[in-house]
């Protein structure tokens, strides 16, 4: 619209700014405490509500990778806990700064990228993760939703399917930088929306997977409640989210890790993630027979 109506005095300065600012999402972003303190985020946190639970203290002299599970539809637990100043993060983890890594696509959207960065998210590119974990002095946390967009297609209430078996890049980066790995499970994340049935092999799932490969992000067909009625709408259900931060897995820095070292640490991570789920599922109403499914 700006170009059509020849508002050059608006779009030329912004495009110039965009050119020089293009790599900021790969270099720690540009967070704003003013935005993170908006009152709307307090209402956002209290709506579900969102809780952050710590199981063990972390040493602020180290850097960490938080593997966040599951993706769900909105990743509400990750945003509410790590991208606003209304969560208990600062009280539970004093001396730490968390960086939520999201798809690079969102930082290619003019104007929206500025708003997104102001809350704290950065790109999930290898360069961006390495930038955070390379900071001296420790106390930096890369929060990565490891299942990615693909996992959102399996975000059905009562299901616990995680796309993790082929996700090994984060393990290699952890070894390269000596960053400790911490499994994080967000109980209630998959309960916020209902999704139209899309089992593997169905025509809908096939179309969704093809679109995801083309665009880089998934398009789950979801619904929940409305503002003034509970039958249908796009507003998430009011279900409690409990984001539980597990025990850290010590990682010794290895600049050139072998495939065997990557595989061994990846297996250890999956075992710790399963233990975390099994230890805490009973507290949050998950039946004993339910377990994680790794894909």
Protein backbone atom coordinates (compact mmCIF):
# COMPACT_ATOMS: atom_id res chain seq x y z
CA UNK A 1 0.00 0.00 0.00
CA UNK A 2 2.85 2.38 0.82
CA UNK A 3 4.48 1.73 -2.56
CA UNK A 4 1.22 1.97 -4.53
CA UNK A 5 0.36 5.30 -2.97
CA UNK A 6 3.98 6.43 -3.30
CA UNK A 7 4.59 7.11 0.38
CA UNK A 8 8.32 6.95 -0.30
CA UNK A 9 9.13 9.11 2.69
CA UNK A 10 7.88 6.24 4.88
CA UNK A 11 9.05 3.09 3.17
CA UNK A 12 12.47 4.25 1.89
CA UNK A 13 13.80 5.08 5.42
CA UNK A 14 12.34 1.83 6.79
CA UNK A 15 13.81 -0.33 3.99
CA UNK A 16 17.16 1.34 4.60
CA UNK A 17 16.86 0.54 8.30
CA UNK A 18 15.87 -3.03 7.43
CA UNK A 19 18.95 -3.47 5.28
CA UNK A 20 21.34 -2.51 8.08
CA UNK A 21 19.32 -4.30 10.79
CA UNK A 22 18.75 -7.57 8.92
CA UNK A 23 21.14 -9.68 11.02
CA UNK A 24 20.02 -8.46 14.45
CA UNK A 25 17.83 -11.57 15.06
CA UNK A 26 21.02 -13.66 14.71
CA UNK A 27 22.92 -11.43 17.13
CA UNK A 28 20.91 -11.55 20.33
CA UNK A 29 17.91 -9.57 19.08
CA UNK A 30 16.67 -6.31 20.55
CA UNK A 31 14.42 -6.80 23.57
CA UNK A 32 12.50 -4.01 25.25
CA UNK A 33 11.58 -4.16 28.92
CA UNK A 34 8.85 -1.64 28.20
CA UNK A 35 7.14 -4.14 25.85
CA UNK A 36 7.82 -7.11 28.13
CA UNK A 37 6.15 -5.17 30.96
CA UNK A 38 2.91 -4.51 29.06
CA UNK A 39 -0.05 -5.31 31.31
CA UNK A 40 -1.58 -7.47 28.57
CA UNK A 41 1.08 -10.10 29.23
CA UNK A 42 -0.03 -10.34 32.85
CA UNK A 43 -3.57 -11.07 31.66
CA UNK A 44 -2.14 -13.53 29.12
CA UNK A 45 -0.27 -15.42 31.88
CA UNK A 46 -3.21 -15.41 34.28
CA UNK A 47 -5.76 -16.46 31.66
CA UNK A 48 -4.60 -20.10 31.45
CA UNK A 49 -2.77 -19.66 33.95
CA UNK A 50 0.91 -20.31 33.11
CA UNK A 51 3.26 -21.65 35.79
CA UNK A 52 7.04 -22.19 35.76
CA UNK A 53 8.41 -24.97 37.97
CA UNK A 54 12.09 -25.48 38.79
CA UNK A 55 13.35 -28.93 39.84
CA UNK A 56 17.02 -28.04 40.42
CA UNK A 57 19.22 -24.97 40.75
CA UNK A 58 21.38 -24.01 37.79
CA UNK A 59 24.94 -22.69 37.96
CA UNK A 60 24.98 -19.17 36.42
CA UNK A 61 28.62 -19.61 35.38
CA UNK A 62 27.44 -21.97 32.59
CA UNK A 63 25.36 -21.44 29.47
CA UNK A 64 22.42 -23.76 28.82
CA UNK A 65 20.12 -25.08 26.12
CA UNK A 66 16.54 -25.59 27.29
CA UNK A 67 14.85 -28.17 25.05
CA UNK A 68 11.19 -27.14 25.18
CA UNK A 69 8.46 -29.78 24.64
CA UNK A 70 5.84 -30.07 23.24
CA UNK A 71 5.35 -27.44 20.53
CA UNK A 72 1.56 -27.36 20.83
CA UNK A 73 -0.26 -24.91 18.57
CA UNK A 74 0.92 -21.56 19.97
CA UNK A 75 3.90 -22.48 22.20
CA UNK A 76 2.09 -20.39 24.82
CA UNK A 77 4.12 -21.74 27.74
CA UNK A 78 7.43 -20.80 26.15
CA UNK A 79 6.29 -17.29 25.29
CA UNK A 80 4.58 -16.63 28.63
CA UNK A 81 7.52 -17.86 30.70
CA UNK A 82 10.50 -16.59 28.69
CA UNK A 83 9.26 -13.55 26.73
CA UNK A 84 7.45 -11.50 29.36
CA UNK A 85 8.42 -10.04 32.73
CA UNK A 86 5.36 -11.47 34.49
CA UNK A 87 6.56 -15.05 34.85
CA UNK A 88 8.59 -16.38 37.79
CA UNK A 89 11.69 -16.80 35.64
CA UNK A 90 13.78 -14.07 37.30
CA UNK A 91 12.88 -15.29 40.79
CA UNK A 92 13.59 -18.95 40.01
CA UNK A 93 16.68 -18.37 37.87
CA UNK A 94 18.39 -15.18 39.09
CA UNK A 95 21.33 -14.05 37.02
CA UNK A 96 20.07 -15.73 33.84
CA UNK A 97 18.85 -14.31 30.52
CA UNK A 98 16.61 -16.50 28.35
CA UNK A 99 16.42 -16.28 24.56
CA UNK A 100 13.48 -18.00 22.88
CA UNK A 101 14.53 -19.13 19.40
CA UNK A 102 11.81 -19.05 16.73
CA UNK A 103 11.57 -19.59 12.97
CA UNK A 104 13.70 -17.13 10.94
CA UNK A 105 10.64 -16.57 8.71
CA UNK A 106 9.04 -14.26 11.30
CA UNK A 107 12.01 -11.88 11.15
CA UNK A 108 11.54 -11.42 7.43
CA UNK A 109 8.14 -9.79 7.97
CA UNK A 110 8.57 -5.97 7.92
CA UNK A 111 7.37 -4.14 11.06
CA UNK A 112 6.17 -7.36 12.70
CA UNK A 113 9.82 -8.36 13.21
CA UNK A 114 10.40 -5.24 15.32
CA UNK A 115 7.43 -6.04 17.52
CA UNK A 116 8.48 -9.69 17.87
CA UNK A 117 12.09 -8.89 18.77
CA UNK A 118 10.97 -6.40 21.41
CA UNK A 119 9.57 -9.32 23.46
CA UNK A 120 12.88 -11.15 23.34
CA UNK A 121 12.67 -13.90 20.66
CA UNK A 122 15.61 -14.44 18.33
CA UNK A 123 16.20 -16.62 15.28
CA UNK A 124 16.62 -20.38 15.65
CA UNK A 125 19.43 -20.41 13.09
CA UNK A 126 22.72 -22.08 14.00
CA UNK A 127 24.42 -18.68 13.91
CA UNK A 128 21.92 -17.25 16.39
CA UNK A 129 22.16 -20.14 18.87
CA UNK A 130 25.96 -20.04 18.68
CA UNK A 131 25.91 -16.29 19.34
CA UNK A 132 23.97 -16.77 22.59
CA UNK A 133 26.03 -19.74 23.79
CA UNK A 134 29.32 -17.97 22.96
CA UNK A 135 28.68 -15.14 25.41
CA UNK A 136 31.32 -14.98 28.12
CA UNK A 137 30.51 -15.27 31.80
CA UNK A 138 27.65 -17.73 31.53
CA UNK A 139 24.05 -17.13 32.58
CA UNK A 140 22.62 -17.38 29.04
CA UNK A 141 19.85 -19.79 28.09
CA UNK A 142 18.86 -20.75 24.55
CA UNK A 143 15.26 -21.97 24.66
CA UNK A 144 14.62 -24.16 21.59
CA UNK A 145 11.27 -25.77 20.75
CA UNK A 146 12.90 -28.91 19.40
CA UNK A 147 9.84 -30.48 17.76
CA UNK A 148 9.44 -27.48 15.50
CA UNK A 149 6.57 -26.75 13.16
CA UNK A 150 6.20 -30.42 12.21
CA UNK A 151 5.28 -31.34 15.77
CA UNK A 152 2.36 -28.90 15.84
CA UNK A 153 0.50 -31.20 13.42
CA UNK A 154 0.38 -33.80 16.21
CA UNK A 155 -0.70 -31.33 18.91
CA UNK A 156 -3.95 -33.06 19.90
CA UNK A 157 -5.37 -33.04 23.45
CA UNK A 158 -4.26 -36.10 25.39
CA UNK A 159 -1.44 -36.91 22.96
CA UNK A 160 2.24 -36.72 23.76
CA UNK A 161 4.02 -37.24 20.44
CA UNK A 162 7.41 -35.54 20.21
CA UNK A 163 9.55 -35.18 17.08
CA UNK A 164 12.95 -35.67 18.65
CA UNK A 165 14.69 -38.78 17.25
CA UNK A 166 16.10 -36.99 14.18
CA UNK A 167 16.69 -33.65 15.95
CA UNK A 168 20.40 -33.82 16.76
CA UNK A 169 21.70 -30.41 15.68
CA UNK A 170 21.11 -28.96 19.15
CA UNK A 171 23.25 -31.73 20.64
CA UNK A 172 26.15 -30.91 18.33
CA UNK A 173 25.92 -27.20 19.19
CA UNK A 174 25.81 -28.06 22.91
CA UNK A 175 28.98 -30.13 22.57
CA UNK A 176 30.73 -27.48 20.48
CA UNK A 177 30.08 -24.77 23.09
CA UNK A 178 30.06 -26.90 26.24
CA UNK A 179 26.48 -25.78 26.96
CA UNK A 180 24.56 -27.90 29.47
CA UNK A 181 21.34 -29.49 28.19
CA UNK A 182 18.11 -29.15 30.15
CA UNK A 183 14.86 -30.94 29.16
CA UNK A 184 11.72 -28.84 29.70
CA UNK A 185 8.18 -30.25 29.48
CA UNK A 186 5.16 -27.97 29.38
CA UNK A 187 2.17 -29.91 30.75
CA UNK A 188 -1.12 -28.65 29.31
CA UNK A 189 0.39 -27.20 26.12
CA UNK A 190 -1.53 -29.60 23.87
CA UNK A 191 -4.83 -29.00 25.69
CA UNK A 192 -5.35 -25.40 24.55
CA UNK A 193 -6.90 -26.23 21.17
CA UNK A 194 -8.65 -29.04 19.36
CA UNK A 195 -7.32 -29.93 15.96
CA UNK A 196 -9.16 -31.46 13.03
CA UNK A 197 -8.24 -35.14 12.77
CA UNK A 198 -5.19 -35.50 10.53
CA UNK A 199 -3.66 -38.97 11.00
CA UNK A 200 -0.53 -39.79 9.05
CA UNK A 201 -1.40 -40.91 5.55
CA UNK A 202 -4.64 -38.91 5.40
CA UNK A 203 -5.12 -36.43 2.54
CA UNK A 204 -5.19 -33.53 5.02
CA UNK A 205 -1.89 -34.54 6.65
CA UNK A 206 -0.30 -35.01 3.24
CA UNK A 207 -1.30 -31.51 2.16
CA UNK A 208 -0.14 -30.02 5.50
CA UNK A 209 3.25 -31.71 5.26
CA UNK A 210 3.78 -30.55 1.68
CA UNK A 211 2.86 -26.97 2.60
CA UNK A 212 5.18 -27.15 5.61
CA UNK A 213 8.11 -28.19 3.40
CA UNK A 214 7.38 -25.35 0.96
CA UNK A 215 6.73 -22.54 3.47
CA UNK A 216 8.83 -23.66 6.43
CA UNK A 217 5.97 -23.56 8.93
CA UNK A 218 2.94 -25.79 9.50
CA UNK A 219 -0.76 -24.97 9.14
CA UNK A 220 -2.70 -27.02 11.71
CA UNK A 221 -6.49 -26.65 11.40
CA UNK A 222 -7.43 -25.88 14.99
CA UNK A 223 -10.32 -24.44 16.93
CA UNK A 224 -11.27 -23.85 20.57
CA UNK A 225 -13.73 -21.40 22.13
CA UNK A 226 -15.11 -17.94 21.43
CA UNK A 227 -14.96 -14.84 23.59
CA UNK A 228 -18.55 -15.07 24.89
CA UNK A 229 -19.36 -18.73 24.21
CA UNK A 230 -17.51 -22.02 24.64
CA UNK A 231 -18.66 -23.99 21.60
CA UNK A 232 -16.43 -22.72 18.81
CA UNK A 233 -13.81 -20.07 18.10
CA UNK A 234 -10.09 -19.40 17.89
CA UNK A 235 -9.56 -18.29 21.47
CA UNK A 236 -7.61 -20.98 23.40
CA UNK A 237 -9.30 -22.98 26.12
CA UNK A 238 -8.58 -21.87 29.66
CA UNK A 239 -6.36 -24.80 30.66
CA UNK A 240 -3.50 -24.52 33.13
CA UNK A 241 0.04 -24.78 31.73
CA UNK A 242 2.79 -26.09 34.00
CA UNK A 243 6.24 -25.70 32.43
CA UNK A 244 8.62 -27.96 34.35
CA UNK A 245 12.37 -27.36 33.99
CA UNK A 246 14.28 -30.61 34.47
CA UNK A 247 17.74 -31.53 35.68
CA UNK A 248 20.76 -30.19 33.73
CA UNK A 249 22.88 -32.65 31.78
CA UNK A 250 26.58 -31.69 32.09
CA UNK A 251 28.30 -31.33 28.72
CA UNK A 252 32.06 -31.15 28.22
CA UNK A 253 33.11 -28.84 25.41
CA UNK A 254 34.21 -30.75 22.32
CA UNK A 255 35.03 -28.53 19.36
CA UNK A 256 34.79 -31.36 16.83
CA UNK A 257 32.35 -33.95 18.25
CA UNK A 258 32.15 -37.37 16.62
CA UNK A 259 28.90 -39.00 15.52
CA UNK A 260 29.22 -41.42 18.43
CA UNK A 261 29.50 -38.56 20.95
CA UNK A 262 26.47 -36.81 19.44
CA UNK A 263 24.44 -40.03 19.46
CA UNK A 264 25.37 -40.83 23.07
CA UNK A 265 24.42 -37.38 24.37
CA UNK A 266 21.22 -37.39 22.30
CA UNK A 267 20.23 -40.72 23.86
CA UNK A 268 20.97 -39.37 27.35
CA UNK A 269 18.80 -36.32 26.64
CA UNK A 270 15.84 -38.46 25.53
CA UNK A 271 16.16 -40.61 28.65
CA UNK A 272 16.19 -37.55 30.92
CA UNK A 273 13.19 -36.09 29.08
CA UNK A 274 11.23 -39.31 29.57
CA UNK A 275 12.18 -39.40 33.27
CA UNK A 276 10.99 -35.80 33.67
CA UNK A 277 7.62 -36.63 32.12
CA UNK A 278 7.14 -39.80 34.16
CA UNK A 279 8.10 -38.12 37.46
CA UNK A 280 5.64 -35.23 37.07
CA UNK A 281 2.73 -36.46 34.93
CA UNK A 282 0.69 -37.62 37.93
CA UNK A 283 0.72 -34.11 39.43
CA UNK A 284 -0.99 -32.66 36.36
CA UNK A 285 -3.77 -35.17 35.79
CA UNK A 286 -2.14 -37.38 33.17
CA UNK A 287 -3.17 -41.06 33.50
CA UNK A 288 -0.49 -43.53 34.54
CA UNK A 289 -0.69 -45.48 31.28
CA UNK A 290 0.09 -42.40 29.15
CA UNK A 291 3.69 -42.06 28.02
CA UNK A 292 5.83 -40.09 25.57
CA UNK A 293 6.02 -41.21 21.95
CA UNK A 294 9.29 -40.28 20.27
CA UNK A 295 9.34 -39.90 16.48
